[in-house]
Amino acid sequence: MPQHMRLIQTHFVLLSEKMDPDSGLLTHLYSKDVITDREKETIKAGTTFYDRNEELLSVIMRKTDAKFREFVEALRATGMADLADTLEIN
């Protein structure tokens, strides 16, 4: 299992509770070509905040390490540096 998958799995509850997918995070990830338009729409279709976060995390888990690093930078860029730090410390 790639390291970024383990990191997401380890911090899944924290990330699903604390990330704000509506803060511009999805737009940032889409603009950096981390997620596709279809993935963005699937994530946005989630009924609750948690649904959107869980879908986003499952999408990111399937990405490359490079795309994971872009995700961490996107967290930083959208005001979630504490979560980015959590994913980088380990």
Foldseek 3Di string as FASTA:
>chain_A
DDPLLVLCVVCVVVQLVPDQPPLCLLVQLCVVVLDDPVLSVVLVPQPDSSSSRNSVSVSNSPGDPVSSLSSLVSCVVSVNVVVSCSSVVD
